Amino acid sequence: SYDILWGERVIRSVANLTRKDAEDGLALAAK
């Protein structure tokens, strides 16, 4: 039902990764 989306809720997907994701993600995991 639309009411559970209404209220400016957002649905989005994730596609793959970038090299920056790899650099930043690995650094944060170590931190």
ModelCIF file with pLDDT and N, C-alpha, C, O atoms, coordinates in Angstrom:
data_MODEL
#
_entry.id   MODEL 
#
_entity.id                         1 
_entity.type                       polymer 
_entity.pdbx_number_of_molecules   1 
#
_entity_poly.entity_id                      1 
_entity_poly.type                           'polypeptide(L)' 
_entity_poly.nstd_linkage                   no 
_entity_poly.nstd_monomer                   no 
_entity_poly.pdbx_seq_one_letter_code       SYDILWGERVIRSVANLTRKDAEDGLALAAK 
_entity_poly.pdbx_seq_one_letter_code_can   SYDILWGERVIRSVANLTRKDAEDGLALAAK 
_entity_poly.pdbx_strand_id                 A 
#
loop_
_entity_poly_seq.entity_id 
_entity_poly_seq.num 
_entity_poly_seq.mon_id 
_entity_poly_seq.hetero 
1 1  SER n 
1 2  TYR n 
1 3  ASP n 
1 4  ILE n 
1 5  LEU n 
1 6  TRP n 
1 7  GLY n 
1 8  GLU n 
1 9  ARG n 
1 10 VAL n 
1 11 ILE n 
1 12 ARG n 
1 13 SER n 
1 14 VAL n 
1 15 ALA n 
1 16 ASN n 
1 17 LEU n 
1 18 THR n 
1 19 ARG n 
1 20 LYS n 
1 21 ASP n 
1 22 ALA n 
1 23 GLU n 
1 24 ASP n 
1 25 GLY n 
1 26 LEU n 
1 27 ALA n 
1 28 LEU n 
1 29 ALA n 
1 30 ALA n 
1 31 LYS n 
#
_struct_asym.id          A 
_struct_asym.entity_id   1 
#
loop_
_ma_qa_metric.id 
_ma_qa_metric.mode 
_ma_qa_metric.name 
_ma_qa_metric.software_group_id 
_ma_qa_metric.type 
1 global pLDDT . pLDDT 
2 local  pLDDT . pLDDT 
#
_ma_qa_metric_global.metric_id      1 
_ma_qa_metric_global.metric_value   97.52 
_ma_qa_metric_global.model_id       1 
_ma_qa_metric_global.ordinal_id     1 
#
loop_
_ma_qa_metric_local.label_asym_id 
_ma_qa_metric_local.label_comp_id 
_ma_qa_metric_local.label_seq_id 
_ma_qa_metric_local.metric_id 
_ma_qa_metric_local.metric_value 
_ma_qa_metric_local.model_id 
_ma_qa_metric_local.ordinal_id 
A SER 1  2 97.00 1 1  
A TYR 2  2 98.00 1 2  
A ASP 3  2 98.00 1 3  
A ILE 4  2 98.00 1 4  
A LEU 5  2 98.00 1 5  
A TRP 6  2 98.00 1 6  
A GLY 7  2 98.00 1 7  
A GLU 8  2 98.00 1 8  
A ARG 9  2 98.00 1 9  
A VAL 10 2 98.00 1 10 
A ILE 11 2 98.00 1 11 
A ARG 12 2 97.00 1 12 
A SER 13 2 97.00 1 13 
A VAL 14 2 97.00 1 14 
A ALA 15 2 97.00 1 15 
A ASN 16 2 96.00 1 16 
A LEU 17 2 96.00 1 17 
A THR 18 2 97.00 1 18 
A ARG 19 2 97.00 1 19 
A LYS 20 2 97.00 1 20 
A ASP 21 2 97.00 1 21 
A ALA 22 2 97.00 1 22 
A GLU 23 2 97.00 1 23 
A ASP 24 2 98.00 1 24 
A GLY 25 2 98.00 1 25 
A LEU 26 2 98.00 1 26 
A ALA 27 2 98.00 1 27 
A LEU 28 2 98.00 1 28 
A ALA 29 2 98.00 1 29 
A ALA 30 2 98.00 1 30 
A LYS 31 2 98.00 1 31 
#
loop_
_atom_site.group_PDB 
_atom_site.id 
_atom_site.type_symbol 
_atom_site.label_atom_id 
_atom_site.label_alt_id 
_atom_site.label_comp_id 
_atom_site.label_asym_id 
_atom_site.label_entity_id 
_atom_site.label_seq_id 
_atom_site.pdbx_PDB_ins_code 
_atom_site.Cartn_x 
_atom_site.Cartn_y 
_atom_site.Cartn_z 
_atom_site.occupancy 
_atom_site.B_iso_or_equiv 
_atom_site.pdbx_formal_charge 
_atom_site.auth_seq_id 
_atom_site.auth_comp_id 
_atom_site.auth_asym_id 
_atom_site.auth_atom_id 
_atom_site.pdbx_PDB_model_num 
ATOM 1   N N  . SER A 1 1  ? 0.835  -1.198 0.000  1.00 97.00 ? 1  SER A N  1 
ATOM 2   C CA . SER A 1 1  ? 0.000  0.000  0.000  1.00 97.00 ? 1  SER A CA 1 
ATOM 3   C C  . SER A 1 1  ? 0.872  1.251  0.000  1.00 97.00 ? 1  SER A C  1 
ATOM 4   O O  . SER A 1 1  ? 1.944  1.279  0.603  1.00 97.00 ? 1  SER A O  1 
ATOM 5   N N  . TYR A 1 2  ? 0.401  2.258  -0.672 1.00 98.00 ? 2  TYR A N  1 
ATOM 6   C CA . TYR A 1 2  ? 1.175  3.483  -0.862 1.00 98.00 ? 2  TYR A CA 1 
ATOM 7   C C  . TYR A 1 2  ? 1.487  4.186  0.459  1.00 98.00 ? 2  TYR A C  1 
ATOM 8   O O  . TYR A 1 2  ? 2.476  4.913  0.553  1.00 98.00 ? 2  TYR A O  1 
ATOM 9   N N  . ASP A 1 3  ? 0.661  3.978  1.467  1.00 98.00 ? 3  ASP A N  1 
ATOM 10  C CA . ASP A 1 3  ? 0.840  4.724  2.712  1.00 98.00 ? 3  ASP A CA 1 
ATOM 11  C C  . ASP A 1 3  ? 2.176  4.427  3.391  1.00 98.00 ? 3  ASP A C  1 
ATOM 12  O O  . ASP A 1 3  ? 2.687  5.270  4.128  1.00 98.00 ? 3  ASP A O  1 
ATOM 13  N N  . ILE A 1 4  ? 2.753  3.240  3.156  1.00 98.00 ? 4  ILE A N  1 
ATOM 14  C CA . ILE A 1 4  ? 4.037  2.947  3.811  1.00 98.00 ? 4  ILE A CA 1 
ATOM 15  C C  . ILE A 1 4  ? 5.229  3.516  3.029  1.00 98.00 ? 4  ILE A C  1 
ATOM 16  O O  . ILE A 1 4  ? 6.352  3.540  3.532  1.00 98.00 ? 4  ILE A O  1 
ATOM 17  N N  . LEU A 1 5  ? 4.976  3.969  1.808  1.00 98.00 ? 5  LEU A N  1 
ATOM 18  C CA . LEU A 1 5  ? 6.001  4.676  1.055  1.00 98.00 ? 5  LEU A CA 1 
ATOM 19  C C  . LEU A 1 5  ? 5.848  6.181  1.208  1.00 98.00 ? 5  LEU A C  1 
ATOM 20  O O  . LEU A 1 5  ? 6.832  6.921  1.206  1.00 98.00 ? 5  LEU A O  1 
ATOM 21  N N  . TRP A 1 6  ? 4.614  6.620  1.338  1.00 98.00 ? 6  TRP A N  1 
ATOM 22  C CA . TRP A 1 6  ? 4.327  8.049  1.468  1.00 98.00 ? 6  TRP A CA 1 
ATOM 23  C C  . TRP A 1 6  ? 5.094  8.633  2.654  1.00 98.00 ? 6  TRP A C  1 
ATOM 24  O O  . TRP A 1 6  ? 5.533  7.906  3.545  1.00 98.00 ? 6  TRP A O  1 
ATOM 25  N N  . GLY A 1 7  ? 5.246  9.929  2.649  1.00 98.00 ? 7  GLY A N  1 
ATOM 26  C CA . GLY A 1 7  ? 6.017  10.577 3.709  1.00 98.00 ? 7  GLY A CA 1 
ATOM 27  C C  . GLY A 1 7  ? 7.476  10.705 3.322  1.00 98.00 ? 7  GLY A C  1 
ATOM 28  O O  . GLY A 1 7  ? 8.358  10.774 4.179  1.00 98.00 ? 7  GLY A O  1 
ATOM 29  N N  . GLU A 1 8  ? 7.721  10.737 2.024  1.00 98.00 ? 8  GLU A N  1 
ATOM 30  C CA . GLU A 1 8  ? 9.065  10.927 1.476  1.00 98.00 ? 8  GLU A CA 1 
ATOM 31  C C  . GLU A 1 8  ? 10.050 9.843  1.900  1.00 98.00 ? 8  GLU A C  1 
ATOM 32  O O  . GLU A 1 8  ? 11.249 10.085 2.033  1.00 98.00 ? 8  GLU A O  1 
ATOM 33  N N  . ARG A 1 9  ? 9.511  8.638  2.108  1.00 98.00 ? 9  ARG A N  1 
ATOM 34  C CA . ARG A 1 9  ? 10.413 7.498  2.271  1.00 98.00 ? 9  ARG A CA 1 
ATOM 35  C C  . ARG A 1 9  ? 11.038 7.187  0.908  1.00 98.00 ? 9  ARG A C  1 
ATOM 36  O O  . ARG A 1 9  ? 10.425 7.432  -0.131 1.00 98.00 ? 9  ARG A O  1 
ATOM 37  N N  . VAL A 1 10 ? 12.250 6.652  0.919  1.00 98.00 ? 10 VAL A N  1 
ATOM 38  C CA . VAL A 1 10 ? 13.014 6.403  -0.313 1.00 98.00 ? 10 VAL A CA 1 
ATOM 39  C C  . VAL A 1 10 ? 13.449 4.948  -0.347 1.00 98.00 ? 10 VAL A C  1 
ATOM 40  O O  . VAL A 1 10 ? 13.904 4.408  0.662  1.00 98.00 ? 10 VAL A O  1 
ATOM 41  N N  . ILE A 1 11 ? 13.311 4.312  -1.508 1.00 98.00 ? 11 ILE A N  1 
ATOM 42  C CA . ILE A 1 11 ? 13.881 2.980  -1.744 1.00 98.00 ? 11 ILE A CA 1 
ATOM 43  C C  . ILE A 1 11 ? 14.954 3.123  -2.808 1.00 98.00 ? 11 ILE A C  1 
ATOM 44  O O  . ILE A 1 11 ? 14.707 3.706  -3.863 1.00 98.00 ? 11 ILE A O  1 
ATOM 45  N N  . ARG A 1 12 ? 16.145 2.597  -2.543 1.00 97.00 ? 12 ARG A N  1 
ATOM 46  C CA . ARG A 1 12 ? 17.200 2.657  -3.552 1.00 97.00 ? 12 ARG A CA 1 
ATOM 47  C C  . ARG A 1 12 ? 18.052 1.394  -3.499 1.00 97.00 ? 12 ARG A C  1 
ATOM 48  O O  . ARG A 1 12 ? 18.072 0.674  -2.501 1.00 97.00 ? 12 ARG A O  1 
ATOM 49  N N  . SER A 1 13 ? 18.745 1.151  -4.590 1.00 97.00 ? 13 SER A N  1 
ATOM 50  C CA . SER A 1 13 ? 19.583 -0.044 -4.687 1.00 97.00 ? 13 SER A CA 1 
ATOM 51  C C  . SER A 1 13 ? 21.060 0.340  -4.683 1.00 97.00 ? 13 SER A C  1 
ATOM 52  O O  . SER A 1 13 ? 21.429 1.503  -4.846 1.00 97.00 ? 13 SER A O  1 
ATOM 53  N N  . VAL A 1 14 ? 21.878 -0.672 -4.493 1.00 97.00 ? 14 VAL A N  1 
ATOM 54  C CA . VAL A 1 14 ? 23.338 -0.519 -4.568 1.00 97.00 ? 14 VAL A CA 1 
ATOM 55  C C  . VAL A 1 14 ? 23.829 -1.322 -5.765 1.00 97.00 ? 14 VAL A C  1 
ATOM 56  O O  . VAL A 1 14 ? 23.443 -2.478 -5.935 1.00 97.00 ? 14 VAL A O  1 
ATOM 57  N N  . ALA A 1 15 ? 24.667 -0.727 -6.587 1.00 97.00 ? 15 ALA A N  1 
ATOM 58  C CA . ALA A 1 15 ? 25.227 -1.431 -7.741 1.00 97.00 ? 15 ALA A CA 1 
ATOM 59  C C  . ALA A 1 15 ? 26.751 -1.446 -7.654 1.00 97.00 ? 15 ALA A C  1 
ATOM 60  O O  . ALA A 1 15 ? 27.409 -0.422 -7.834 1.00 97.00 ? 15 ALA A O  1 
ATOM 61  N N  . ASN A 1 16 ? 27.294 -2.622 -7.376 1.00 96.00 ? 16 ASN A N  1 
ATOM 62  C CA . ASN A 1 16 ? 28.739 -2.827 -7.436 1.00 96.00 ? 16 ASN A CA 1 
ATOM 63  C C  . ASN A 1 16 ? 29.479 -1.902 -6.463 1.00 96.00 ? 16 ASN A C  1 
ATOM 64  O O  . ASN A 1 16 ? 28.976 -1.654 -5.368 1.00 96.00 ? 16 ASN A O  1 
ATOM 65  N N  . LEU A 1 17 ? 30.628 -1.400 -6.821 1.00 96.00 ? 17 LEU A N  1 
ATOM 66  C CA . LEU A 1 17 ? 31.411 -0.501 -5.975 1.00 96.00 ? 17 LEU A CA 1 
ATOM 67  C C  . LEU A 1 17 ? 32.363 0.280  -6.857 1.00 96.00 ? 17 LEU A C  1 
ATOM 68  O O  . LEU A 1 17 ? 32.582 -0.070 -8.017 1.00 96.00 ? 17 LEU A O  1 
ATOM 69  N N  . THR A 1 18 ? 32.925 1.335  -6.303 1.00 97.00 ? 18 THR A N  1 
ATOM 70  C CA . THR A 1 18 ? 33.962 2.097  -7.000 1.00 97.00 ? 18 THR A CA 1 
ATOM 71  C C  . THR A 1 18 ? 35.294 1.885  -6.295 1.00 97.00 ? 18 THR A C  1 
ATOM 72  O O  . THR A 1 18 ? 35.352 1.354  -5.186 1.00 97.00 ? 18 THR A O  1 
ATOM 73  N N  . ARG A 1 19 ? 36.359 2.311  -6.961 1.00 97.00 ? 19 ARG A N  1 
ATOM 74  C CA . ARG A 1 19 ? 37.679 2.197  -6.320 1.00 97.00 ? 19 ARG A CA 1 
ATOM 75  C C  . ARG A 1 19 ? 37.767 3.076  -5.076 1.00 97.00 ? 19 ARG A C  1 
ATOM 76  O O  . ARG A 1 19 ? 38.462 2.731  -4.120 1.00 97.00 ? 19 ARG A O  1 
ATOM 77  N N  . LYS A 1 20 ? 37.074 4.195  -5.083 1.00 97.00 ? 20 LYS A N  1 
ATOM 78  C CA . LYS A 1 20 ? 37.071 5.049  -3.896 1.00 97.00 ? 20 LYS A CA 1 
ATOM 79  C C  . LYS A 1 20 ? 36.376 4.349  -2.731 1.00 97.00 ? 20 LYS A C  1 
ATOM 80  O O  . LYS A 1 20 ? 36.806 4.470  -1.584 1.00 97.00 ? 20 LYS A O  1 
ATOM 81  N N  . ASP A 1 21 ? 35.295 3.611  -3.027 1.00 97.00 ? 21 ASP A N  1 
ATOM 82  C CA . ASP A 1 21 ? 34.654 2.820  -1.976 1.00 97.00 ? 21 ASP A CA 1 
ATOM 83  C C  . ASP A 1 21 ? 35.665 1.875  -1.342 1.00 97.00 ? 21 ASP A C  1 
ATOM 84  O O  . ASP A 1 21 ? 35.709 1.730  -0.121 1.00 97.00 ? 21 ASP A O  1 
ATOM 85  N N  . ALA A 1 22 ? 36.480 1.230  -2.182 1.00 97.00 ? 22 ALA A N  1 
ATOM 86  C CA . ALA A 1 22 ? 37.460 0.284  -1.674 1.00 97.00 ? 22 ALA A CA 1 
ATOM 87  C C  . ALA A 1 22 ? 38.481 0.966  -0.779 1.00 97.00 ? 22 ALA A C  1 
ATOM 88  O O  . ALA A 1 22 ? 38.783 0.479  0.311  1.00 97.00 ? 22 ALA A O  1 
ATOM 89  N N  . GLU A 1 23 ? 39.005 2.079  -1.233 1.00 97.00 ? 23 GLU A N  1 
ATOM 90  C CA . GLU A 1 23 ? 40.020 2.789  -0.450 1.00 97.00 ? 23 GLU A CA 1 
ATOM 91  C C  . GLU A 1 23 ? 39.444 3.297  0.869  1.00 97.00 ? 23 GLU A C  1 
ATOM 92  O O  . GLU A 1 23 ? 40.039 3.105  1.929  1.00 97.00 ? 23 GLU A O  1 
ATOM 93  N N  . ASP A 1 24 ? 38.281 3.947  0.795  1.00 98.00 ? 24 ASP A N  1 
ATOM 94  C CA . ASP A 1 24 ? 37.686 4.518  1.996  1.00 98.00 ? 24 ASP A CA 1 
ATOM 95  C C  . ASP A 1 24 ? 37.167 3.433  2.940  1.00 98.00 ? 24 ASP A C  1 
ATOM 96  O O  . ASP A 1 24 ? 37.328 3.531  4.156  1.00 98.00 ? 24 ASP A O  1 
ATOM 97  N N  . GLY A 1 25 ? 36.548 2.402  2.374  1.00 98.00 ? 25 GLY A N  1 
ATOM 98  C CA . GLY A 1 25 ? 35.975 1.346  3.206  1.00 98.00 ? 25 GLY A CA 1 
ATOM 99  C C  . GLY A 1 25 ? 37.030 0.550  3.946  1.00 98.00 ? 25 GLY A C  1 
ATOM 100 O O  . GLY A 1 25 ? 36.855 0.240  5.125  1.00 98.00 ? 25 GLY A O  1 
ATOM 101 N N  . LEU A 1 26 ? 38.124 0.212  3.277  1.00 98.00 ? 26 LEU A N  1 
ATOM 102 C CA . LEU A 1 26 ? 39.193 -0.533 3.937  1.00 98.00 ? 26 LEU A CA 1 
ATOM 103 C C  . LEU A 1 26 ? 39.841 0.298  5.038  1.00 98.00 ? 26 LEU A C  1 
ATOM 104 O O  . LEU A 1 26 ? 40.161 -0.221 6.108  1.00 98.00 ? 26 LEU A O  1 
ATOM 105 N N  . ALA A 1 27 ? 40.031 1.581  4.776  1.00 98.00 ? 27 ALA A N  1 
ATOM 106 C CA . ALA A 1 27 ? 40.631 2.457  5.786  1.00 98.00 ? 27 ALA A CA 1 
ATOM 107 C C  . ALA A 1 27 ? 39.736 2.572  7.019  1.00 98.00 ? 27 ALA A C  1 
ATOM 108 O O  . ALA A 1 27 ? 40.230 2.531  8.146  1.00 98.00 ? 27 ALA A O  1 
ATOM 109 N N  . LEU A 1 28 ? 38.428 2.715  6.815  1.00 98.00 ? 28 LEU A N  1 
ATOM 110 C CA . LEU A 1 28 ? 37.513 2.831  7.948  1.00 98.00 ? 28 LEU A CA 1 
ATOM 111 C C  . LEU A 1 28 ? 37.440 1.528  8.732  1.00 98.00 ? 28 LEU A C  1 
ATOM 112 O O  . LEU A 1 28 ? 37.385 1.549  9.961  1.00 98.00 ? 28 LEU A O  1 
ATOM 113 N N  . ALA A 1 29 ? 37.439 0.400  8.041  1.00 98.00 ? 29 ALA A N  1 
ATOM 114 C CA . ALA A 1 29 ? 37.395 -0.887 8.728  1.00 98.00 ? 29 ALA A CA 1 
ATOM 115 C C  . ALA A 1 29 ? 38.591 -1.060 9.657  1.00 98.00 ? 29 ALA A C  1 
ATOM 116 O O  . ALA A 1 29 ? 38.461 -1.617 10.747 1.00 98.00 ? 29 ALA A O  1 
ATOM 117 N N  . ALA A 1 30 ? 39.755 -0.584 9.225  1.00 98.00 ? 30 ALA A N  1 
ATOM 118 C CA . ALA A 1 30 ? 40.960 -0.664 10.069 1.00 98.00 ? 30 ALA A CA 1 
ATOM 119 C C  . ALA A 1 30 ? 40.888 0.319  11.231 1.00 98.00 ? 30 ALA A C  1 
ATOM 120 O O  . ALA A 1 30 ? 41.403 0.042  12.314 1.00 98.00 ? 30 ALA A O  1 
ATOM 121 N N  . LYS A 1 31 ? 40.258 1.451  11.014 1.00 98.00 ? 31 LYS A N  1 
ATOM 122 C CA . LYS A 1 31 ? 40.163 2.471  12.062 1.00 98.00 ? 31 LYS A CA 1 
ATOM 123 C C  . LYS A 1 31 ? 39.257 2.017  13.193 1.00 98.00 ? 31 LYS A C  1 
ATOM 124 O O  . LYS A 1 31 ? 39.061 2.751  14.161 1.00 98.00 ? 31 LYS A O  1 
#
